[in-house]
Amino acid sequence: MDFWVWWLIAAGGFSIALVLTAMPELGMLAAGAVAGALTAGVTDNVVIQVVVFAVVSTALILVVRPIARRSRVQPPALRSGPDALMGKSAVVLERVDAANGRIKLAGEVWSARALGEGDTYEPGSQVSVVEIDGATAVVM
């Protein structure tokens, strides 16, 4: 059997192990084995095939792992939807208490309610949005 077949069997083995363990490094080793198979199609020199496998696998691991780790650790830079409104300041338009009220938030009029049961905010005062509950801003 030709060496390129053995390299493809190795790539398949790495791919199966990748699926079973979810270790991305195994996918990079599978890509290295495919590179070894391509090299085996060009030359019969086993040493060159192993060197190509090692270089491609190592390069992928050294380049891709830090990028993947960085993207996994960093929070998304852009908040959207209700998350983007939390922490924003708003102006009270109608008295806000624990039951109801109106505020102007991000240029729009929102229904609002106070976070605390006994809290009330009079028109013209500044409040901070704690959370968005449906179409109602909870403020303090």
Protein backbone atom coordinates (compact mmCIF):
# COMPACT_ATOMS: atom_id res chain seq x y z
CA MET A 1 0.00 0.00 0.00
CA ASP A 2 1.26 3.49 -0.83
CA PHE A 3 2.30 5.91 1.89
CA TRP A 4 -0.33 8.50 0.93
CA VAL A 5 -3.03 6.00 1.95
CA TRP A 6 -1.45 5.63 5.39
CA TRP A 7 -1.37 9.40 5.78
CA LEU A 8 -5.09 9.63 4.90
CA ILE A 9 -5.85 6.86 7.40
CA ALA A 10 -3.93 8.86 10.02
CA ALA A 11 -5.89 12.01 9.08
CA GLY A 12 -9.14 10.07 9.46
CA GLY A 13 -8.00 8.77 12.86
CA PHE A 14 -7.15 12.28 14.03
CA SER A 15 -10.52 13.52 12.73
CA ILE A 16 -12.44 10.82 14.59
CA ALA A 17 -10.52 11.59 17.77
CA LEU A 18 -11.30 15.30 17.23
CA VAL A 19 -15.02 14.59 17.07
CA LEU A 20 -14.91 12.35 20.15
CA THR A 21 -12.79 14.65 22.34
CA ALA A 22 -13.44 18.15 20.90
CA MET A 23 -9.72 18.95 21.10
CA PRO A 24 -8.98 21.35 18.21
CA GLU A 25 -5.32 20.37 18.21
CA LEU A 26 -6.31 17.00 16.75
CA GLY A 27 -7.88 18.78 13.79
CA MET A 28 -4.61 20.56 13.19
CA LEU A 29 -2.79 17.22 13.31
CA ALA A 30 -5.30 15.85 10.79
CA ALA A 31 -4.51 18.78 8.48
CA GLY A 32 -0.81 17.97 8.88
CA ALA A 33 -1.52 14.35 7.96
CA VAL A 34 -3.34 15.50 4.80
CA ALA A 35 -0.29 17.61 3.95
CA GLY A 36 1.82 14.48 4.49
CA ALA A 37 -0.47 12.57 2.10
CA LEU A 38 -0.09 15.28 -0.54
CA THR A 39 3.68 15.13 -0.11
CA ALA A 40 3.58 11.33 -0.42
CA GLY A 41 1.81 11.79 -3.74
CA VAL A 42 4.76 13.81 -4.97
CA THR A 43 7.72 11.96 -3.44
CA ASP A 44 8.42 8.54 -1.92
CA ASN A 45 10.86 9.99 0.64
CA VAL A 46 9.34 9.22 4.06
CA VAL A 47 11.60 11.69 5.85
CA ILE A 48 10.27 14.60 3.76
CA GLN A 49 6.70 13.43 4.40
CA VAL A 50 7.23 13.34 8.17
CA VAL A 51 8.93 16.76 8.11
CA VAL A 52 6.01 18.26 6.15
CA PHE A 53 3.54 16.69 8.62
CA ALA A 54 5.47 18.06 11.60
CA VAL A 55 5.94 21.55 10.13
CA VAL A 56 2.31 21.97 9.03
CA SER A 57 0.91 20.60 12.31
CA THR A 58 3.23 22.70 14.46
CA ALA A 59 2.59 25.85 12.44
CA LEU A 60 -1.18 25.41 12.71
CA ILE A 61 -1.00 24.79 16.45
CA LEU A 62 1.27 27.80 17.03
CA VAL A 63 -0.85 30.15 14.90
CA VAL A 64 -4.44 29.03 15.47
CA ARG A 65 -4.45 28.23 19.20
CA PRO A 66 -3.61 31.77 20.44
CA ILE A 67 -6.21 33.26 18.09
CA ALA A 68 -8.88 30.82 19.31
CA ARG A 69 -7.98 31.39 22.95
CA ARG A 70 -8.13 35.17 22.53
CA SER A 71 -11.53 35.09 20.87
CA ARG A 72 -12.88 32.78 23.57
CA VAL A 73 -11.68 34.96 26.47
CA GLN A 74 -12.62 38.42 25.18
CA PRO A 75 -16.22 39.53 25.60
CA PRO A 76 -18.02 40.79 22.52
CA ALA A 77 -17.10 44.41 21.83
CA LEU A 78 -20.56 45.45 20.74
CA ARG A 79 -23.61 45.16 22.97
CA SER A 80 -26.94 45.30 21.20
CA GLY A 81 -30.62 45.11 22.01
CA PRO A 82 -31.64 45.41 25.66
CA ASP A 83 -28.07 44.78 26.85
CA ALA A 84 -26.95 48.02 25.17
CA LEU A 85 -29.45 50.03 27.24
CA MET A 86 -28.46 48.73 30.68
CA GLY A 87 -26.45 51.29 32.62
CA LYS A 88 -27.61 54.20 30.45
CA SER A 89 -28.97 57.41 31.96
CA ALA A 90 -32.55 58.48 31.34
CA VAL A 91 -34.73 61.49 32.17
CA VAL A 92 -38.01 60.96 34.00
CA LEU A 93 -40.98 62.33 32.02
CA GLU A 94 -43.82 61.13 34.27
CA ARG A 95 -43.47 60.12 37.91
CA VAL A 96 -41.83 56.70 38.20
CA ASP A 97 -42.68 54.41 41.11
CA ALA A 98 -42.73 50.65 41.66
CA ALA A 99 -45.82 50.28 39.46
CA ASN A 100 -45.37 52.58 36.46
CA GLY A 101 -43.97 55.76 34.94
CA ARG A 102 -42.36 57.14 31.78
CA ILE A 103 -38.75 57.98 30.95
CA LYS A 104 -36.85 59.24 27.92
CA LEU A 105 -34.12 56.73 27.14
CA ALA A 106 -31.84 56.96 24.10
CA GLY A 107 -34.17 59.45 22.45
CA GLU A 108 -37.26 57.30 22.90
CA VAL A 109 -40.08 57.31 25.45
CA TRP A 110 -40.18 54.14 27.53
CA SER A 111 -42.51 52.85 30.21
CA ALA A 112 -40.57 52.43 33.42
CA ARG A 113 -40.81 51.24 36.99
CA ALA A 114 -38.59 51.75 40.00
CA LEU A 115 -36.34 48.97 41.21
CA GLY A 116 -37.24 49.41 44.88
CA GLU A 117 -40.80 49.20 46.22
CA GLY A 118 -40.65 52.56 48.01
CA ASP A 119 -38.60 54.43 45.42
CA THR A 120 -40.18 57.27 43.43
CA TYR A 121 -38.62 59.59 40.89
CA GLU A 122 -40.15 62.91 39.90
CA PRO A 123 -40.20 64.40 36.36
CA GLY A 124 -36.91 65.96 35.32
CA SER A 125 -34.71 63.76 37.53
CA GLN A 126 -31.97 61.52 36.14
CA VAL A 127 -32.23 57.76 36.61
CA SER A 128 -30.07 54.83 35.59
CA VAL A 129 -31.43 51.78 33.76
CA VAL A 130 -30.80 48.59 35.72
CA GLU A 131 -32.52 46.15 33.37
CA ILE A 132 -35.06 45.90 30.58
CA ASP A 133 -38.10 43.77 31.41
CA GLY A 134 -40.03 43.31 28.17
CA ALA A 135 -40.93 46.86 27.08
CA THR A 136 -40.41 48.34 30.56
CA ALA A 137 -37.17 49.82 31.84
CA VAL A 138 -36.37 49.10 35.48
CA VAL A 139 -34.61 52.15 36.89
CA MET A 140 -32.96 53.41 40.05
